[in-house]
C-alpha atoms as a PDB file:
ATOM      1  CA  MET A   1       5.196  10.537  24.307  1.00  0.00           C
ATOM      2  CA  THR A   2       6.612  14.065  24.114  1.00  0.00           C
ATOM      3  CA  GLU A   3       4.881  16.666  22.099  1.00  0.00           C
ATOM      4  CA  ALA A   4       7.748  16.951  19.620  1.00  0.00           C
ATOM      5  CA  LYS A   5       7.894  13.128  19.147  1.00  0.00           C
ATOM      6  CA  ASN A   6       4.084  13.039  18.811  1.00  0.00           C
ATOM      7  CA  ARG A   7       4.221  15.715  16.044  1.00  0.00           C
ATOM      8  CA  GLY A   8       6.917  13.727  14.265  1.00  0.00           C
ATOM      9  CA  GLU A   9       4.859  10.554  14.378  1.00  0.00           C
ATOM     10  CA  MET A  10       1.771  12.433  13.151  1.00  0.00           C
ATOM     11  CA  ALA A  11       3.737  13.853  10.207  1.00  0.00           C
ATOM     12  CA  LYS A  12       4.792  10.303   9.240  1.00  0.00           C
ATOM     13  CA  THR A  13       1.266   9.159   9.473  1.00  0.00           C
ATOM     14  CA  ALA A  14       0.026  12.022   7.390  1.00  0.00           C
ATOM     15  CA  ALA A  15       2.672  11.211   4.718  1.00  0.00           C
ATOM     16  CA  VAL A  16       1.468   7.573   4.629  1.00  0.00           C
ATOM     17  CA  LEU A  17      -2.134   8.580   4.392  1.00  0.00           C
ATOM     18  CA  LYS A  18      -1.288  11.060   1.630  1.00  0.00           C
ATOM     19  CA  ALA A  19       0.527   8.363  -0.339  1.00  0.00           C
ATOM     20  CA  MET A  20      -2.503   6.064   0.002  1.00  0.00           C
ATOM     21  CA  GLY A  21      -4.880   8.903  -0.909  1.00  0.00           C
ATOM     22  CA  HIS A  22      -4.937   8.334  -4.670  1.00  0.00           C
ATOM     23  CA  PRO A  23      -7.744   6.053  -5.849  1.00  0.00           C
ATOM     24  CA  ILE A  24      -5.393   3.658  -7.735  1.00  0.00           C
ATOM     25  CA  ARG A  25      -2.998   3.441  -4.791  1.00  0.00           C
ATOM     26  CA  LEU A  26      -5.966   2.855  -2.425  1.00  0.00           C
ATOM     27  CA  ARG A  27      -7.149  -0.006  -4.645  1.00  0.00           C
ATOM     28  CA  ILE A  28      -3.615  -1.444  -4.628  1.00  0.00           C
ATOM     29  CA  MET A  29      -3.681  -1.297  -0.805  1.00  0.00           C
ATOM     30  CA  LEU A  30      -7.025  -3.041  -0.688  1.00  0.00           C
ATOM     31  CA  LYS A  31      -5.678  -5.864  -2.840  1.00  0.00           C
ATOM     32  CA  LEU A  32      -2.549  -6.160  -0.667  1.00  0.00           C
ATOM     33  CA  ALA A  33      -4.628  -6.390   2.488  1.00  0.00           C
ATOM     34  CA  GLU A  34      -5.200 -10.004   1.338  1.00  0.00           C
ATOM     35  CA  GLY A  35      -1.484 -10.604   1.629  1.00  0.00           C
ATOM     36  CA  CYS A  36       1.628 -10.568  -0.534  1.00  0.00           C
ATOM     37  CA  CYS A  37       0.850 -10.144  -4.263  1.00  0.00           C
ATOM     38  CA  CYS A  38       3.139 -10.267  -7.283  1.00  0.00           C
ATOM     39  CA  VAL A  39       3.076  -7.423  -9.726  1.00  0.00           C
ATOM     40  CA  GLY A  40       1.136  -9.440 -12.365  1.00  0.00           C
ATOM     41  CA  GLU A  41      -1.648 -10.230  -9.845  1.00  0.00           C
ATOM     42  CA  ILE A  42      -1.922  -6.470  -9.070  1.00  0.00           C
ATOM     43  CA  TRP A  43      -2.070  -5.636 -12.843  1.00  0.00           C
ATOM     44  CA  ASP A  44      -4.824  -8.213 -13.313  1.00  0.00           C
ATOM     45  CA  TYR A  45      -6.833  -6.938 -10.367  1.00  0.00           C
ATOM     46  CA  LEU A  46      -6.641  -3.269 -11.453  1.00  0.00           C
ATOM     47  CA  GLN A  47      -7.008  -3.880 -15.164  1.00  0.00           C
ATOM     48  CA  LEU A  48      -4.640  -0.988 -15.825  1.00  0.00           C
ATOM     49  CA  PRO A  49      -1.464  -0.679 -17.914  1.00  0.00           C
ATOM     50  CA  GLN A  50       1.741  -2.027 -16.404  1.00  0.00           C
ATOM     51  CA  ALA A  51       3.406   1.380 -16.452  1.00  0.00           C
ATOM     52  CA  VAL A  52       0.585   2.997 -14.506  1.00  0.00           C
ATOM     53  CA  VAL A  53       0.569   0.314 -11.856  1.00  0.00           C
ATOM     54  CA  SER A  54       4.418   0.388 -11.553  1.00  0.00           C
ATOM     55  CA  GLN A  55       4.404   4.143 -10.989  1.00  0.00           C
ATOM     56  CA  HIS A  56       1.927   3.859  -8.163  1.00  0.00           C
ATOM     57  CA  LEU A  57       3.721   0.907  -6.554  1.00  0.00           C
ATOM     58  CA  LYS A  58       6.964   2.934  -6.644  1.00  0.00           C
ATOM     59  CA  ILE A  59       5.268   5.825  -4.864  1.00  0.00           C
ATOM     60  CA  LEU A  60       3.984   3.535  -2.156  1.00  0.00           C
ATOM     61  CA  LYS A  61       7.356   1.802  -1.764  1.00  0.00           C
ATOM     62  CA  ASP A  62       9.323   5.086  -1.727  1.00  0.00           C
ATOM     63  CA  ARG A  63       7.027   6.431   1.037  1.00  0.00           C
ATOM     64  CA  GLY A  64       7.667   3.403   3.165  1.00  0.00           C
ATOM     65  CA  VAL A  65       4.116   1.974   2.803  1.00  0.00           C
ATOM     66  CA  LEU A  66       5.052  -1.189   0.898  1.00  0.00           C
ATOM     67  CA  GLU A  67       7.935  -3.600   0.886  1.00  0.00           C
ATOM     68  CA  ALA A  68       9.076  -5.419  -2.289  1.00  0.00           C
ATOM     69  CA  ARG A  69      10.442  -8.898  -2.238  1.00  0.00           C
ATOM     70  CA  ARG A  70      11.998 -10.780  -5.136  1.00  0.00           C
ATOM     71  CA  GLU A  71      10.732 -14.343  -5.539  1.00  0.00           C
ATOM     72  CA  GLY A  72      12.686 -15.877  -8.402  1.00  0.00           C
ATOM     73  CA  ALA A  73      11.872 -13.765 -11.477  1.00  0.00           C
ATOM     74  CA  LYS A  74       8.899 -12.139  -9.795  1.00  0.00           C
ATOM     75  CA  VAL A  75       8.602  -9.048  -7.543  1.00  0.00           C
ATOM     76  CA  CYS A  76       5.985  -9.354  -4.862  1.00  0.00           C
ATOM     77  CA  TYR A  77       4.675  -6.502  -2.691  1.00  0.00           C
ATOM     78  CA  LEU A  78       3.305  -6.452   0.812  1.00  0.00           C
ATOM     79  CA  ILE A  79       2.135  -3.820   3.255  1.00  0.00           C
ATOM     80  CA  LYS A  80       5.153  -2.962   5.427  1.00  0.00           C
ATOM     81  CA  ASP A  81       3.456  -1.994   8.745  1.00  0.00           C
ATOM     82  CA  CYS A  82       0.836  -3.893  10.683  1.00  0.00           C
ATOM     83  CA  MET A  83      -0.991  -0.721  11.736  1.00  0.00           C
ATOM     84  CA  ILE A  84      -1.344   0.240   8.053  1.00  0.00           C
ATOM     85  CA  GLN A  85      -2.500  -3.320   7.313  1.00  0.00           C
ATOM     86  CA  ASP A  86      -5.181  -3.018  10.008  1.00  0.00           C
ATOM     87  CA  LEU A  87      -6.320   0.299   8.633  1.00  0.00           C
ATOM     88  CA  VAL A  88      -6.694  -1.149   5.138  1.00  0.00           C
ATOM     89  CA  ILE A  89      -8.568  -4.133   6.468  1.00  0.00           C
ATOM     90  CA  VAL A  90     -11.102  -1.727   7.990  1.00  0.00           C
ATOM     91  CA  LEU A  91     -11.373   0.052   4.582  1.00  0.00           C
ATOM     92  CA  ARG A  92     -11.922  -3.334   2.835  1.00  0.00           C
ATOM     93  CA  LYS A  93     -14.863  -3.925   5.086  1.00  0.00           C
ATOM     94  CA  LYS A  94     -16.256  -0.447   4.284  1.00  0.00           C
ATOM     95  CA  TYR A  95     -15.973  -1.047   0.545  1.00  0.00           C
ATOM     96  CA  SER A  96     -17.159  -4.695   0.822  1.00  0.00           C
ATOM     97  CA  VAL A  97     -13.956  -6.026  -0.762  1.00  0.00           C
ATOM     98  CA  VAL A  98     -13.711  -9.256   1.050  1.00  0.00           C
END
C-alpha cells in the first residue's frame, strides 16, 4: 500500500473511531454487535429518549459506520463493515457485554 493511500485509510479509520467515541454511540455499537436491531430495541436497551438515540444513530449512519434498513414500518440498523464489527466484538468482551 502506498504511503498516500495508507494515510487516506488511516484518516477514514480515525473518523470512524471518532464517531464511535461518544459513550452513547459506543453503547449503541455494543448493542449492534449482537446483530441487526430496530430503533425500538435500541431505545429500550439504552433507556434514553427517542430524540437522543436518533441523533446518535444519525451521526453513526452519516459517518458510514451504520447501515439502515427498512423492514415494513420499522427501521433497523446494523454495523456496515465487518472490521468495525470485529472491533466492537472485542470491546463487548472487555466490558463483559455478552
